[in-house]
Amino acid sequence: MSESRSLFKTPRLTAFHIIRCRPLFIVEPKPHNIAGWLRLAVKRTAQSFRLMVGVQDYGNYVAHMQVRHPEIAPMTEREFHRRCLEARFPSESGKMGKCPC
């Protein structure tokens, strides 16, 4: 009977430590006027529509690489767009890829 009860015991939690902490997103400063807020809203809406139709944002990719992977050199714009096209429309049969953005 004691063996079956040991199956349901929860393991004792050991101490853990945080190795690295990153913010989930970078907060941009809020515009103080309506024109600045409207400009930001239009920029984000246009970016959303471009992503919906498959046009990738190279500037956003470069900013991401500088913040998250500073030790790796980002691809050139030509390489970036070639890789995105190859991921979206694979030329090899049976190859499914993922865009790096």
Protein backbone atom coordinates (compact mmCIF):
# COMPACT_ATOMS: atom_id res chain seq x y z
CA MET A 1 0.00 0.00 0.00
CA SER A 2 2.84 2.44 0.70
CA GLU A 3 4.24 1.87 -2.83
CA SER A 4 1.02 3.01 -4.51
CA ARG A 5 0.85 6.12 -2.33
CA SER A 6 4.38 7.12 -3.36
CA LEU A 7 3.22 7.35 -6.98
CA PHE A 8 0.96 10.25 -6.13
CA LYS A 9 3.43 12.29 -4.12
CA THR A 10 4.48 15.48 -5.80
CA PRO A 11 8.21 15.99 -6.16
CA ARG A 12 9.80 18.55 -3.90
CA LEU A 13 10.55 21.75 -5.75
CA THR A 14 14.21 22.67 -5.81
CA ALA A 15 15.51 26.18 -5.82
CA PHE A 16 15.78 27.75 -9.25
CA HIS A 17 17.48 30.83 -10.57
CA ILE A 18 16.76 33.18 -13.44
CA ILE A 19 19.42 33.04 -16.14
CA ARG A 20 18.22 35.88 -18.38
CA CYS A 21 15.15 38.08 -18.39
CA ARG A 22 13.93 39.81 -21.56
CA PRO A 23 10.96 42.12 -22.02
CA LEU A 24 8.09 40.65 -24.01
CA PHE A 25 7.85 43.80 -26.09
CA ILE A 26 9.52 47.16 -26.34
CA VAL A 27 7.29 50.03 -25.31
CA GLU A 28 7.51 52.98 -27.66
CA PRO A 29 7.07 56.43 -26.18
CA LYS A 30 3.50 57.61 -26.43
CA PRO A 31 2.96 60.54 -28.76
CA HIS A 32 1.79 63.66 -26.98
CA ASN A 33 -0.37 64.91 -29.79
CA ILE A 34 -3.15 63.47 -31.88
CA ALA A 35 -1.14 63.76 -35.13
CA GLY A 36 1.65 61.56 -33.71
CA TRP A 37 -0.83 58.98 -32.45
CA LEU A 38 -2.62 58.94 -35.81
CA ARG A 39 0.70 58.55 -37.68
CA LEU A 40 1.61 55.58 -35.46
CA ALA A 41 -1.82 53.99 -35.97
CA VAL A 42 -1.57 54.34 -39.76
CA LYS A 43 1.98 52.90 -39.72
CA ARG A 44 0.91 49.84 -37.70
CA THR A 45 -2.21 49.30 -39.83
CA ALA A 46 -0.19 49.45 -43.05
CA GLN A 47 2.33 46.98 -41.60
CA SER A 48 -0.51 44.61 -40.66
CA PHE A 49 -1.98 44.72 -44.17
CA ARG A 50 1.44 44.12 -45.74
CA LEU A 51 1.99 41.07 -43.55
CA MET A 52 -1.48 39.75 -44.43
CA VAL A 53 -0.69 39.73 -48.13
CA GLY A 54 2.80 38.31 -47.63
CA VAL A 55 5.06 41.35 -47.97
CA GLN A 56 7.70 40.99 -45.27
CA ASP A 57 9.20 43.93 -43.39
CA TYR A 58 12.99 43.97 -43.75
CA GLY A 59 13.40 46.94 -41.39
CA ASN A 60 11.51 45.11 -38.65
CA TYR A 61 13.68 42.02 -39.22
CA VAL A 62 16.91 44.07 -38.91
CA ALA A 63 15.65 45.75 -35.71
CA HIS A 64 14.76 42.32 -34.29
CA MET A 65 18.20 40.94 -35.14
CA GLN A 66 19.95 43.91 -33.50
CA VAL A 67 17.94 43.57 -30.29
CA ARG A 68 17.62 39.78 -29.95
CA HIS A 69 20.67 38.41 -31.82
CA PRO A 70 23.39 41.10 -31.84
CA GLU A 71 26.16 38.52 -32.35
CA ILE A 72 24.70 37.37 -35.71
CA ALA A 73 24.95 39.56 -38.80
CA PRO A 74 21.51 40.05 -40.41
CA MET A 75 20.88 38.90 -43.97
CA THR A 76 21.03 41.42 -46.78
CA GLU A 77 17.72 42.69 -48.07
CA ARG A 78 18.05 40.57 -51.19
CA GLU A 79 18.80 37.39 -49.18
CA PHE A 80 15.92 38.17 -46.82
CA HIS A 81 13.34 38.51 -49.57
CA ARG A 82 14.69 35.44 -51.40
CA ARG A 83 14.39 33.37 -48.21
CA CYS A 84 10.85 34.63 -47.57
CA LEU A 85 9.80 33.75 -51.12
CA GLU A 86 11.42 30.35 -50.84
CA ALA A 87 9.61 29.73 -47.54
CA ARG A 88 6.26 30.78 -48.97
CA PHE A 89 6.60 29.08 -52.36
CA PRO A 90 9.01 26.13 -51.96
CA SER A 91 10.73 25.16 -55.20
CA GLU A 92 11.65 21.64 -54.08
CA SER A 93 8.76 19.19 -53.96
CA GLY A 94 7.66 18.29 -50.47
CA LYS A 95 9.72 21.03 -48.85
CA MET A 96 7.85 23.13 -46.35
CA GLY A 97 9.68 26.03 -44.76
CA LYS A 98 9.13 28.87 -42.40
CA CYS A 99 9.89 32.51 -43.06
CA PRO A 100 12.61 33.90 -40.74
CA CYS A 101 10.49 36.92 -39.83
